[in-house]
Amino acid sequence: MTRFAARCAALLAALLIIGFVSLPASAQQGQRVRGRITAVHGDVLTVKASDGRILTIALDPDATVTRIDPAKLSAIKPGRFVGTAARPEPNNRWRAIEVHIFPAGARLGEGHRPWDPEPGATMTNADVTAAVVHTRNGAMTLTTGGQSYDIDVPPGTPIVTMSPGTRKQIVKRAYVSVNNAIPKQDGTLVAKSINVSRDNKWPPK
């Protein structure tokens, strides 16, 4: 496998974690977890979920780790490929919930579709064809499949970059996201892929 193919495989796993690529309904049998690591014992993590639950997550031996780093609004430029969850606004516009900027050459999950975690919201993975950055506010136009979508990026919107990570990033107080954590009979959740960040603004609650 080439280095680029390996990076794409890691990013595909990350996209599955956060819902940027859809899986068949039959494969979506696990739990979606977002929270902060409170303890690490080898491959077993204790995570305080965003809803207050204390969960035990066991990492699969071959689990994929994806690193999430904060990015500035100015990083959203024409020619970049991004993914964003967004809420509908008046006048056929959208309001970004979060924006993920992919590495050059990564075009996984391209398209515009409903975003299940929030009724009425959508997920758009597409090229930035126009971007405007003011002092604090931003706006971007995403184009895919011959359609364009105008999306406002208000202050406080989580903006991040994605890259392959390592187990070294999985430490106490790091923030994590798992989309398909499979429950075992003892209550432990098993994760085959995980997103990790030290940014306290990610993942959104």
C-alpha atoms as a PDB file:
ATOM      1  CA  MET A   1       0.000   0.000   0.000  1.00  0.00           C
ATOM      2  CA  THR A   2       1.400   3.414  -0.940  1.00  0.00           C
ATOM      3  CA  ARG A   3       1.755   6.165   1.655  1.00  0.00           C
ATOM      4  CA  PHE A   4      -1.072   8.141   0.020  1.00  0.00           C
ATOM      5  CA  ALA A   5      -3.356   5.094  -0.019  1.00  0.00           C
ATOM      6  CA  ALA A   6      -2.581   4.462   3.644  1.00  0.00           C
ATOM      7  CA  ARG A   7      -3.440   8.080   4.492  1.00  0.00           C
ATOM      8  CA  CYS A   8      -6.706   7.779   2.582  1.00  0.00           C
ATOM      9  CA  ALA A   9      -7.572   4.569   4.447  1.00  0.00           C
ATOM     10  CA  ALA A  10      -6.949   6.313   7.764  1.00  0.00           C
ATOM     11  CA  LEU A  11      -9.045   9.288   6.737  1.00  0.00           C
ATOM     12  CA  LEU A  12     -11.865   7.019   5.568  1.00  0.00           C
ATOM     13  CA  ALA A  13     -11.909   5.455   9.033  1.00  0.00           C
ATOM     14  CA  ALA A  14     -12.016   8.931  10.549  1.00  0.00           C
ATOM     15  CA  LEU A  15     -14.877   9.967   8.304  1.00  0.00           C
ATOM     16  CA  LEU A  16     -16.831   6.926   9.415  1.00  0.00           C
ATOM     17  CA  ILE A  17     -16.209   7.903  13.039  1.00  0.00           C
ATOM     18  CA  ILE A  18     -17.719  11.361  12.710  1.00  0.00           C
ATOM     19  CA  GLY A  19     -20.403  10.578  10.165  1.00  0.00           C
ATOM     20  CA  PHE A  20     -18.795  12.268   7.146  1.00  0.00           C
ATOM     21  CA  VAL A  21     -19.234   9.029   5.175  1.00  0.00           C
ATOM     22  CA  SER A  22     -22.406   6.969   5.427  1.00  0.00           C
ATOM     23  CA  LEU A  23     -22.387   3.255   6.193  1.00  0.00           C
ATOM     24  CA  PRO A  24     -25.156   0.821   5.237  1.00  0.00           C
ATOM     25  CA  ALA A  25     -27.818   0.660   7.941  1.00  0.00           C
ATOM     26  CA  SER A  26     -26.876  -2.956   8.701  1.00  0.00           C
ATOM     27  CA  ALA A  27     -23.361  -1.846   9.678  1.00  0.00           C
ATOM     28  CA  GLN A  28     -24.462   0.961  11.984  1.00  0.00           C
ATOM     29  CA  GLN A  29     -24.942  -1.189  15.091  1.00  0.00           C
ATOM     30  CA  GLY A  30     -22.588   0.454  17.552  1.00  0.00           C
ATOM     31  CA  GLN A  31     -22.782   3.481  19.815  1.00  0.00           C
ATOM     32  CA  ARG A  32     -21.661   7.006  19.020  1.00  0.00           C
ATOM     33  CA  VAL A  33     -19.418   8.368  21.795  1.00  0.00           C
ATOM     34  CA  ARG A  34     -17.925  11.832  22.260  1.00  0.00           C
ATOM     35  CA  GLY A  35     -16.108  12.815  25.402  1.00  0.00           C
ATOM     36  CA  ARG A  36     -12.834  13.217  27.306  1.00  0.00           C
ATOM     37  CA  ILE A  37     -10.377  10.572  28.454  1.00  0.00           C
ATOM     38  CA  THR A  38     -10.099  10.357  32.244  1.00  0.00           C
ATOM     39  CA  ALA A  39      -7.749   7.347  32.414  1.00  0.00           C
ATOM     40  CA  VAL A  40      -5.655   5.146  30.113  1.00  0.00           C
ATOM     41  CA  HIS A  41      -4.594   1.585  30.984  1.00  0.00           C
ATOM     42  CA  GLY A  42      -2.914   0.042  27.958  1.00  0.00           C
ATOM     43  CA  ASP A  43      -5.579  -0.359  25.272  1.00  0.00           C
ATOM     44  CA  VAL A  44      -8.427   0.377  27.703  1.00  0.00           C
ATOM     45  CA  LEU A  45      -9.727   3.928  28.071  1.00  0.00           C
ATOM     46  CA  THR A  46     -12.066   5.438  30.627  1.00  0.00           C
ATOM     47  CA  VAL A  47     -14.044   8.228  28.961  1.00  0.00           C
ATOM     48  CA  LYS A  48     -16.430  10.767  30.439  1.00  0.00           C
ATOM     49  CA  ALA A  49     -18.976  11.174  27.654  1.00  0.00           C
ATOM     50  CA  SER A  50     -20.514  14.525  26.782  1.00  0.00           C
ATOM     51  CA  ASP A  51     -23.783  13.323  28.345  1.00  0.00           C
ATOM     52  CA  GLY A  52     -22.029  12.613  31.681  1.00  0.00           C
ATOM     53  CA  ARG A  53     -21.759   8.828  31.400  1.00  0.00           C
ATOM     54  CA  ILE A  54     -18.506   7.120  32.436  1.00  0.00           C
ATOM     55  CA  LEU A  55     -17.624   4.595  29.725  1.00  0.00           C
ATOM     56  CA  THR A  56     -14.935   1.951  29.283  1.00  0.00           C
ATOM     57  CA  ILE A  57     -13.614   1.737  25.726  1.00  0.00           C
ATOM     58  CA  ALA A  58     -11.226  -1.005  24.616  1.00  0.00           C
ATOM     59  CA  LEU A  59      -9.211  -0.243  21.491  1.00  0.00           C
ATOM     60  CA  ASP A  60      -8.960  -3.005  18.915  1.00  0.00           C
ATOM     61  CA  PRO A  61      -5.303  -4.079  18.436  1.00  0.00           C
ATOM     62  CA  ASP A  62      -5.410  -2.657  14.891  1.00  0.00           C
ATOM     63  CA  ALA A  63      -7.504   0.401  15.762  1.00  0.00           C
ATOM     64  CA  THR A  64      -6.989   3.413  13.506  1.00  0.00           C
ATOM     65  CA  VAL A  65      -6.129   6.701  15.226  1.00  0.00           C
ATOM     66  CA  THR A  66      -6.864  10.019  13.547  1.00  0.00           C
ATOM     67  CA  ARG A  67      -5.445  13.256  14.896  1.00  0.00           C
ATOM     68  CA  ILE A  68      -7.659  16.338  14.930  1.00  0.00           C
ATOM     69  CA  ASP A  69      -5.978  19.743  15.184  1.00  0.00           C
ATOM     70  CA  PRO A  70      -7.642  23.155  15.442  1.00  0.00           C
ATOM     71  CA  ALA A  71      -7.463  25.392  12.374  1.00  0.00           C
ATOM     72  CA  LYS A  72      -8.161  29.050  11.763  1.00  0.00           C
ATOM     73  CA  LEU A  73     -11.011  30.445   9.721  1.00  0.00           C
ATOM     74  CA  SER A  74      -8.449  31.766   7.245  1.00  0.00           C
ATOM     75  CA  ALA A  75      -7.477  28.164   6.383  1.00  0.00           C
ATOM     76  CA  ILE A  76     -10.770  27.777   4.495  1.00  0.00           C
ATOM     77  CA  LYS A  77      -9.710  28.858   1.011  1.00  0.00           C
ATOM     78  CA  PRO A  78     -10.891  28.230  -2.548  1.00  0.00           C
ATOM     79  CA  GLY A  79      -9.409  25.006  -3.841  1.00  0.00           C
ATOM     80  CA  ARG A  80      -9.517  23.165  -0.495  1.00  0.00           C
ATOM     81  CA  PHE A  81     -11.748  20.129  -0.003  1.00  0.00           C
ATOM     82  CA  VAL A  82     -13.758  20.324   3.219  1.00  0.00           C
ATOM     83  CA  GLY A  83     -16.601  18.613   5.013  1.00  0.00           C
ATOM     84  CA  THR A  84     -19.170  20.481   7.052  1.00  0.00           C
ATOM     85  CA  ALA A  85     -22.289  19.683   8.987  1.00  0.00           C
ATOM     86  CA  ALA A  86     -24.733  22.593   8.733  1.00  0.00           C
ATOM     87  CA  ARG A  87     -28.184  23.758   9.791  1.00  0.00           C
ATOM     88  CA  PRO A  88     -30.594  25.346   7.288  1.00  0.00           C
ATOM     89  CA  GLU A  89     -31.029  29.130   7.399  1.00  0.00           C
ATOM     90  CA  PRO A  90     -33.412  31.494   5.590  1.00  0.00           C
ATOM     91  CA  ASN A  91     -32.738  32.565   1.998  1.00  0.00           C
ATOM     92  CA  ASN A  92     -31.405  29.155   0.988  1.00  0.00           C
ATOM     93  CA  ARG A  93     -28.274  29.444   3.139  1.00  0.00           C
ATOM     94  CA  TRP A  94     -26.725  27.151   5.733  1.00  0.00           C
ATOM     95  CA  ARG A  95     -25.022  27.687   9.104  1.00  0.00           C
ATOM     96  CA  ALA A  96     -21.957  25.549   9.773  1.00  0.00           C
ATOM     97  CA  ILE A  97     -21.932  23.336  12.882  1.00  0.00           C
ATOM     98  CA  GLU A  98     -18.345  22.213  12.339  1.00  0.00           C
ATOM     99  CA  VAL A  99     -15.839  22.269   9.470  1.00  0.00           C
ATOM    100  CA  HIS A 100     -13.207  19.618   8.731  1.00  0.00           C
ATOM    101  CA  ILE A 101     -10.399  20.459   6.306  1.00  0.00           C
ATOM    102  CA  PHE A 102      -8.929  17.449   4.513  1.00  0.00           C
ATOM    103  CA  PRO A 103      -5.345  17.044   3.273  1.00  0.00           C
ATOM    104  CA  ALA A 104      -4.638  17.833  -0.372  1.00  0.00           C
ATOM    105  CA  GLY A 105      -5.821  14.987  -2.605  1.00  0.00           C
ATOM    106  CA  ALA A 106      -8.320  13.503  -0.133  1.00  0.00           C
ATOM    107  CA  ARG A 107     -11.872  13.607  -1.548  1.00  0.00           C
ATOM    108  CA  LEU A 108     -13.576  10.958   0.564  1.00  0.00           C
ATOM    109  CA  GLY A 109     -17.332  11.072   1.047  1.00  0.00           C
ATOM    110  CA  GLU A 110     -17.939  13.757  -1.582  1.00  0.00           C
ATOM    111  CA  GLY A 111     -21.561  14.878  -1.810  1.00  0.00           C
ATOM    112  CA  HIS A 112     -24.458  16.593  -0.007  1.00  0.00           C
ATOM    113  CA  ARG A 113     -26.811  14.544   2.186  1.00  0.00           C
ATOM    114  CA  PRO A 114     -28.820  14.565   5.435  1.00  0.00           C
ATOM    115  CA  TRP A 115     -26.850  14.478   8.686  1.00  0.00           C
ATOM    116  CA  ASP A 116     -28.622  12.034  10.989  1.00  0.00           C
ATOM    117  CA  PRO A 117     -27.457  13.298  14.419  1.00  0.00           C
ATOM    118  CA  GLU A 118     -29.502  16.506  13.999  1.00  0.00           C
ATOM    119  CA  PRO A 119     -32.898  16.623  12.226  1.00  0.00           C
ATOM    120  CA  GLY A 120     -32.898  18.987   9.256  1.00  0.00           C
ATOM    121  CA  ALA A 121     -29.112  19.325   9.161  1.00  0.00           C
ATOM    122  CA  THR A 122     -26.948  18.229   6.242  1.00  0.00           C
ATOM    123  CA  MET A 123     -23.426  17.011   5.607  1.00  0.00           C
ATOM    124  CA  THR A 124     -21.565  18.448   2.631  1.00  0.00           C
ATOM    125  CA  ASN A 125     -18.145  17.189   1.545  1.00  0.00           C
ATOM    126  CA  ALA A 126     -17.069  19.339  -1.383  1.00  0.00           C
ATOM    127  CA  ASP A 127     -14.662  21.809  -2.945  1.00  0.00           C
ATOM    128  CA  VAL A 128     -14.527  25.342  -1.612  1.00  0.00           C
ATOM    129  CA  THR A 129     -15.226  27.451  -4.693  1.00  0.00           C
ATOM    130  CA  ALA A 130     -15.522  30.785  -2.870  1.00  0.00           C
ATOM    131  CA  ALA A 131     -14.619  31.997   0.607  1.00  0.00           C
ATOM    132  CA  VAL A 132     -14.928  35.310   2.413  1.00  0.00           C
ATOM    133  CA  VAL A 133     -13.306  35.983   5.776  1.00  0.00           C
ATOM    134  CA  HIS A 134     -14.215  39.085   7.746  1.00  0.00           C
ATOM    135  CA  THR A 135     -12.780  40.133  11.103  1.00  0.00           C
ATOM    136  CA  ARG A 136     -14.531  37.255  12.879  1.00  0.00           C
ATOM    137  CA  ASN A 137     -17.245  35.907  10.597  1.00  0.00           C
ATOM    138  CA  GLY A 138     -16.773  33.812   7.501  1.00  0.00           C
ATOM    139  CA  ALA A 139     -18.741  32.398   4.612  1.00  0.00           C
ATOM    140  CA  MET A 140     -17.942  29.769   2.032  1.00  0.00           C
ATOM    141  CA  THR A 141     -19.503  28.308  -1.064  1.00  0.00           C
ATOM    142  CA  LEU A 142     -19.170  24.549  -1.562  1.00  0.00           C
ATOM    143  CA  THR A 143     -19.773  22.960  -4.946  1.00  0.00           C
ATOM    144  CA  THR A 144     -20.441  19.306  -5.659  1.00  0.00           C
ATOM    145  CA  GLY A 145     -22.493  17.430  -8.237  1.00  0.00           C
ATOM    146  CA  GLY A 146     -23.184  20.633 -10.164  1.00  0.00           C
ATOM    147  CA  GLN A 147     -24.825  22.269  -7.118  1.00  0.00           C
ATOM    148  CA  SER A 148     -23.505  25.077  -4.908  1.00  0.00           C
ATOM    149  CA  TYR A 149     -24.243  25.637  -1.221  1.00  0.00           C
ATOM    150  CA  ASP A 150     -23.690  28.947   0.592  1.00  0.00           C
ATOM    151  CA  ILE A 151     -22.611  28.317   4.176  1.00  0.00           C
ATOM    152  CA  ASP A 152     -22.036  30.870   6.948  1.00  0.00           C
ATOM    153  CA  VAL A 153     -19.249  30.090   9.427  1.00  0.00           C
ATOM    154  CA  PRO A 154     -20.051  32.075  12.591  1.00  0.00           C
ATOM    155  CA  PRO A 155     -17.656  32.756  15.497  1.00  0.00           C
ATOM    156  CA  GLY A 156     -17.052  29.699  17.662  1.00  0.00           C
ATOM    157  CA  THR A 157     -17.604  27.169  14.880  1.00  0.00           C
ATOM    158  CA  PRO A 158     -15.128  24.290  15.397  1.00  0.00           C
ATOM    159  CA  ILE A 159     -12.706  24.249  12.448  1.00  0.00           C
ATOM    160  CA  VAL A 160     -10.174  21.432  12.336  1.00  0.00           C
ATOM    161  CA  THR A 161      -7.706  19.607  10.136  1.00  0.00           C
ATOM    162  CA  MET A 162      -7.490  15.813  10.006  1.00  0.00           C
ATOM    163  CA  SER A 163      -4.343  13.687   9.740  1.00  0.00           C
ATOM    164  CA  PRO A 164      -3.262  10.120  10.613  1.00  0.00           C
ATOM    165  CA  GLY A 165      -2.404   9.872  14.309  1.00  0.00           C
ATOM    166  CA  THR A 166      -0.698   7.429  16.669  1.00  0.00           C
ATOM    167  CA  ARG A 167      -1.418   5.848  20.046  1.00  0.00           C
ATOM    168  CA  LYS A 168       0.871   8.451  21.609  1.00  0.00           C
ATOM    169  CA  GLN A 169      -1.931  11.002  21.187  1.00  0.00           C
ATOM    170  CA  ILE A 170      -4.322   8.871  23.272  1.00  0.00           C
ATOM    171  CA  VAL A 171      -3.628  10.306  26.712  1.00  0.00           C
ATOM    172  CA  LYS A 172      -5.514  11.473  29.780  1.00  0.00           C
ATOM    173  CA  ARG A 173      -7.521  14.689  29.208  1.00  0.00           C
ATOM    174  CA  ALA A 174      -7.548  14.253  25.414  1.00  0.00           C
ATOM    175  CA  TYR A 175     -10.898  14.585  23.662  1.00  0.00           C
ATOM    176  CA  VAL A 176     -12.115  11.632  21.624  1.00  0.00           C
ATOM    177  CA  SER A 177     -14.865  10.629  19.246  1.00  0.00           C
ATOM    178  CA  VAL A 178     -16.003   7.121  18.281  1.00  0.00           C
ATOM    179  CA  ASN A 179     -18.966   6.549  16.007  1.00  0.00           C
ATOM    180  CA  ASN A 180     -19.293   2.777  15.989  1.00  0.00           C
ATOM    181  CA  ALA A 181     -18.305   1.531  19.459  1.00  0.00           C
ATOM    182  CA  ILE A 182     -19.492  -2.075  19.747  1.00  0.00           C
ATOM    183  CA  PRO A 183     -20.821  -3.092  23.204  1.00  0.00           C
ATOM    184  CA  LYS A 184     -19.630  -6.308  24.875  1.00  0.00           C
ATOM    185  CA  GLN A 185     -21.604  -8.309  27.432  1.00  0.00           C
ATOM    186  CA  ASP A 186     -19.614  -6.790  30.321  1.00  0.00           C
ATOM    187  CA  GLY A 187     -20.555  -3.248  29.214  1.00  0.00           C
ATOM    188  CA  THR A 188     -17.164  -2.438  27.674  1.00  0.00           C
ATOM    189  CA  LEU A 189     -17.245  -0.757  24.273  1.00  0.00           C
ATOM    190  CA  VAL A 190     -14.832  -1.869  21.549  1.00  0.00           C
ATOM    191  CA  ALA A 191     -13.495   0.726  19.084  1.00  0.00           C
ATOM    192  CA  LYS A 192     -11.784  -0.138  15.804  1.00  0.00           C
ATOM    193  CA  SER A 193     -11.094   3.529  15.051  1.00  0.00           C
ATOM    194  CA  ILE A 194     -10.940   6.684  17.124  1.00  0.00           C
ATOM    195  CA  ASN A 195     -10.473  10.430  16.659  1.00  0.00           C
ATOM    196  CA  VAL A 196      -8.362  12.266  19.224  1.00  0.00           C
ATOM    197  CA  SER A 197      -7.696  15.947  19.898  1.00  0.00           C
ATOM    198  CA  ARG A 198      -6.297  18.194  22.639  1.00  0.00           C
ATOM    199  CA  ASP A 199      -8.625  21.026  21.546  1.00  0.00           C
ATOM    200  CA  ASN A 200     -11.319  21.675  24.179  1.00  0.00           C
ATOM    201  CA  LYS A 201     -13.672  23.002  21.477  1.00  0.00           C
ATOM    202  CA  TRP A 202     -13.791  19.596  19.779  1.00  0.00           C
ATOM    203  CA  PRO A 203     -15.748  17.448  19.470  1.00  0.00           C
ATOM    204  CA  PRO A 204     -18.911  19.575  19.600  1.00  0.00           C
ATOM    205  CA  LYS A 205     -21.392  18.421  22.224  1.00  0.00           C
END
